[in-house]
Structure formats: C-alpha cells, structure tokens
Amino acid sequence: MARAEPQRRADYPHLLAITTRWMDNDAYGHINNVTYYSYFDTVANHYLIHEGGLDILASPVIGLVVELSPLVIPGDFKYAAALLILILLLLVRPQGLLGRAQRVG
C-alpha cells in the first residue's frame, strides 16, 4: 500500500495561532490530549464569530462541532449503528428514553 502524501499548512484555508500555557503540557513537554479538544473548540468558535458573524450574546443560533474523531467510519455504517442503538433502546425501554414506565392492559 502506497503511503499517502503528508498534508501541508497551505491545504487548510483557516489557521489560528494558539498560545499554550504551562498547564497544557505533561511531564515530557507534550500537549495533553484533552487540551486538543479545547483548542478545537476555540478555533471553531473563533471561526463562527469572526467569519460567520455569530453574536454569542444575542444570536438565537449556536455553533456546534458535530464530530471530532481520528477514526474514519463510513457514513452508511454510522446510520446502521444509530438504527441498531435505537432498536435496542426501544426493546429495553418501549416507553422511550425519557418516558415513564406504564403498564399497558
């Protein structure tokens, strides 16, 4: 299998420099894994505010990072997995996730 070409900074149209703090690093000087999620959140919100015109105080719309995963799963498999979870949930709790259990009959 041929190795994929590494991506370059020029491949990404939006970049944001983020200053790291002392607490972002572990004992070996590496950025902690959970800190990356904070960086993604910061970049996504910066983009929505500055490029998308989002007003975080007055806008009725919110911005969400819907998916953040290093694992690439085909879209059809995601839908099948969601359907399977829904079926299992309804088998275990026929009244739904938030409904009250009631006896029928």
C-alpha atoms as a PDB file:
ATOM      1  CA  MET A   1       0.000   0.000   0.000  1.00  0.00           C
ATOM      2  CA  ALA A   2       1.413   3.357  -1.003  1.00  0.00           C
ATOM      3  CA  ARG A   3       1.944   5.895   1.712  1.00  0.00           C
ATOM      4  CA  ALA A   4      -0.238   8.997   1.468  1.00  0.00           C
ATOM      5  CA  GLU A   5       1.396  12.349   0.912  1.00  0.00           C
ATOM      6  CA  PRO A   6       1.598  14.412   4.111  1.00  0.00           C
ATOM      7  CA  GLN A   7      -0.719  17.387   4.242  1.00  0.00           C
ATOM      8  CA  ARG A   8       0.662  20.920   4.228  1.00  0.00           C
ATOM      9  CA  ARG A   9      -0.429  24.058   6.064  1.00  0.00           C
ATOM     10  CA  ALA A  10      -1.440  25.524   2.713  1.00  0.00           C
ATOM     11  CA  ASP A  11      -4.108  22.782   2.451  1.00  0.00           C
ATOM     12  CA  TYR A  12      -6.049  24.431   5.293  1.00  0.00           C
ATOM     13  CA  PRO A  13      -7.719  27.763   4.458  1.00  0.00           C
ATOM     14  CA  HIS A  14      -8.261  28.856   8.083  1.00  0.00           C
ATOM     15  CA  LEU A  15      -5.497  28.872  10.691  1.00  0.00           C
ATOM     16  CA  LEU A  16      -5.411  30.320  14.192  1.00  0.00           C
ATOM     17  CA  ALA A  17      -2.313  30.612  16.344  1.00  0.00           C
ATOM     18  CA  ILE A  18      -2.984  29.481  19.920  1.00  0.00           C
ATOM     19  CA  THR A  19      -0.654  30.246  22.792  1.00  0.00           C
ATOM     20  CA  THR A  20      -0.065  27.266  25.036  1.00  0.00           C
ATOM     21  CA  ARG A  21       0.030  27.516  28.796  1.00  0.00           C
ATOM     22  CA  TRP A  22       2.283  25.696  31.242  1.00  0.00           C
ATOM     23  CA  MET A  23      -0.621  23.506  32.395  1.00  0.00           C
ATOM     24  CA  ASP A  24      -1.306  22.346  28.813  1.00  0.00           C
ATOM     25  CA  ASN A  25       1.843  20.213  28.860  1.00  0.00           C
ATOM     26  CA  ASP A  26       2.589  16.919  30.546  1.00  0.00           C
ATOM     27  CA  ALA A  27       5.831  15.996  32.312  1.00  0.00           C
ATOM     28  CA  TYR A  28       7.505  15.217  28.966  1.00  0.00           C
ATOM     29  CA  GLY A  29       6.657  18.595  27.409  1.00  0.00           C
ATOM     30  CA  HIS A  30       3.885  17.202  25.183  1.00  0.00           C
ATOM     31  CA  ILE A  31       0.475  18.831  24.876  1.00  0.00           C
ATOM     32  CA  ASN A  32      -2.084  16.842  26.885  1.00  0.00           C
ATOM     33  CA  ASN A  33      -4.612  15.025  24.701  1.00  0.00           C
ATOM     34  CA  VAL A  34      -7.652  16.618  26.339  1.00  0.00           C
ATOM     35  CA  THR A  35      -6.183  20.074  25.660  1.00  0.00           C
ATOM     36  CA  TYR A  36      -6.566  19.498  21.924  1.00  0.00           C
ATOM     37  CA  TYR A  37     -10.352  19.416  22.341  1.00  0.00           C
ATOM     38  CA  SER A  38     -10.175  22.831  23.963  1.00  0.00           C
ATOM     39  CA  TYR A  39      -8.108  24.054  21.003  1.00  0.00           C
ATOM     40  CA  PHE A  40     -10.680  22.705  18.527  1.00  0.00           C
ATOM     41  CA  ASP A  41     -13.455  24.424  20.454  1.00  0.00           C
ATOM     42  CA  THR A  42     -11.516  27.701  20.488  1.00  0.00           C
ATOM     43  CA  VAL A  43     -10.806  27.575  16.749  1.00  0.00           C
ATOM     44  CA  ALA A  44     -14.386  26.613  15.842  1.00  0.00           C
ATOM     45  CA  ASN A  45     -15.850  29.430  17.937  1.00  0.00           C
ATOM     46  CA  HIS A  46     -13.305  31.940  16.606  1.00  0.00           C
ATOM     47  CA  TYR A  47     -14.269  30.987  13.054  1.00  0.00           C
ATOM     48  CA  LEU A  48     -18.005  31.218  13.752  1.00  0.00           C
ATOM     49  CA  ILE A  49     -17.676  34.609  15.434  1.00  0.00           C
ATOM     50  CA  HIS A  50     -15.237  36.261  13.016  1.00  0.00           C
ATOM     51  CA  GLU A  51     -16.089  34.601   9.694  1.00  0.00           C
ATOM     52  CA  GLY A  52     -19.707  33.557  10.256  1.00  0.00           C
ATOM     53  CA  GLY A  53     -20.945  36.660  12.061  1.00  0.00           C
ATOM     54  CA  LEU A  54     -22.088  34.743  15.153  1.00  0.00           C
ATOM     55  CA  ASP A  55     -23.057  37.022  18.039  1.00  0.00           C
ATOM     56  CA  ILE A  56     -22.632  34.851  21.132  1.00  0.00           C
ATOM     57  CA  LEU A  57     -24.681  37.196  23.297  1.00  0.00           C
ATOM     58  CA  ALA A  58     -27.676  37.977  21.082  1.00  0.00           C
ATOM     59  CA  SER A  59     -27.871  35.305  18.395  1.00  0.00           C
ATOM     60  CA  PRO A  60     -30.608  32.638  18.674  1.00  0.00           C
ATOM     61  CA  VAL A  61     -28.290  30.312  16.711  1.00  0.00           C
ATOM     62  CA  ILE A  62     -25.493  28.312  18.314  1.00  0.00           C
ATOM     63  CA  GLY A  63     -22.445  26.739  16.718  1.00  0.00           C
ATOM     64  CA  LEU A  64     -21.584  23.098  17.318  1.00  0.00           C
ATOM     65  CA  VAL A  65     -18.636  20.890  16.469  1.00  0.00           C
ATOM     66  CA  VAL A  66     -20.671  17.877  15.411  1.00  0.00           C
ATOM     67  CA  GLU A  67     -17.925  15.322  15.005  1.00  0.00           C
ATOM     68  CA  LEU A  68     -14.353  15.150  16.172  1.00  0.00           C
ATOM     69  CA  SER A  69     -12.757  11.777  15.692  1.00  0.00           C
ATOM     70  CA  PRO A  70      -9.484  10.336  14.451  1.00  0.00           C
ATOM     71  CA  LEU A  71     -11.461   7.247  13.439  1.00  0.00           C
ATOM     72  CA  VAL A  72     -12.897   7.348   9.936  1.00  0.00           C
ATOM     73  CA  ILE A  73     -16.168   5.413   9.754  1.00  0.00           C
ATOM     74  CA  PRO A  74     -18.162   5.198   6.520  1.00  0.00           C
ATOM     75  CA  GLY A  75     -21.399   7.206   6.649  1.00  0.00           C
ATOM     76  CA  ASP A  76     -23.674   4.226   5.968  1.00  0.00           C
ATOM     77  CA  PHE A  77     -22.193   2.333   8.920  1.00  0.00           C
ATOM     78  CA  LYS A  78     -22.918   5.292  11.215  1.00  0.00           C
ATOM     79  CA  TYR A  79     -26.592   5.252  10.217  1.00  0.00           C
ATOM     80  CA  ALA A  80     -26.815   1.483  10.681  1.00  0.00           C
ATOM     81  CA  ALA A  81     -25.206   1.743  14.132  1.00  0.00           C
ATOM     82  CA  ALA A  82     -27.597   4.549  15.148  1.00  0.00           C
ATOM     83  CA  LEU A  83     -30.584   2.493  13.983  1.00  0.00           C
ATOM     84  CA  LEU A  84     -29.345  -0.550  15.919  1.00  0.00           C
ATOM     85  CA  ILE A  85     -28.955   1.539  19.084  1.00  0.00           C
ATOM     86  CA  LEU A  86     -32.474   2.918  18.629  1.00  0.00           C
ATOM     87  CA  ILE A  87     -33.939  -0.581  18.171  1.00  0.00           C
ATOM     88  CA  LEU A  88     -32.109  -1.887  21.258  1.00  0.00           C
ATOM     89  CA  LEU A  89     -33.293   1.105  23.284  1.00  0.00           C
ATOM     90  CA  LEU A  90     -36.907   0.517  22.263  1.00  0.00           C
ATOM     91  CA  LEU A  91     -36.615  -3.192  23.114  1.00  0.00           C
ATOM     92  CA  VAL A  92     -35.328  -2.386  26.595  1.00  0.00           C
ATOM     93  CA  ARG A  93     -37.460   0.731  27.218  1.00  0.00           C
ATOM     94  CA  PRO A  94     -40.579   0.706  24.999  1.00  0.00           C
ATOM     95  CA  GLN A  95     -41.721   3.998  26.534  1.00  0.00           C
ATOM     96  CA  GLY A  96     -38.580   5.672  25.204  1.00  0.00           C
ATOM     97  CA  LEU A  97     -35.564   7.104  26.917  1.00  0.00           C
ATOM     98  CA  LEU A  98     -37.346   9.874  28.817  1.00  0.00           C
ATOM     99  CA  GLY A  99     -40.853   8.383  29.155  1.00  0.00           C
ATOM    100  CA  ARG A 100     -42.331   6.977  32.321  1.00  0.00           C
ATOM    101  CA  ALA A 101     -42.789   3.235  32.586  1.00  0.00           C
ATOM    102  CA  GLN A 102     -46.517   2.409  32.446  1.00  0.00           C
ATOM    103  CA  ARG A 103     -48.347  -0.854  32.471  1.00  0.00           C
ATOM    104  CA  VAL A 104     -50.462  -1.439  29.414  1.00  0.00           C
ATOM    105  CA  GLY A 105     -53.572  -3.635  29.703  1.00  0.00           C
END
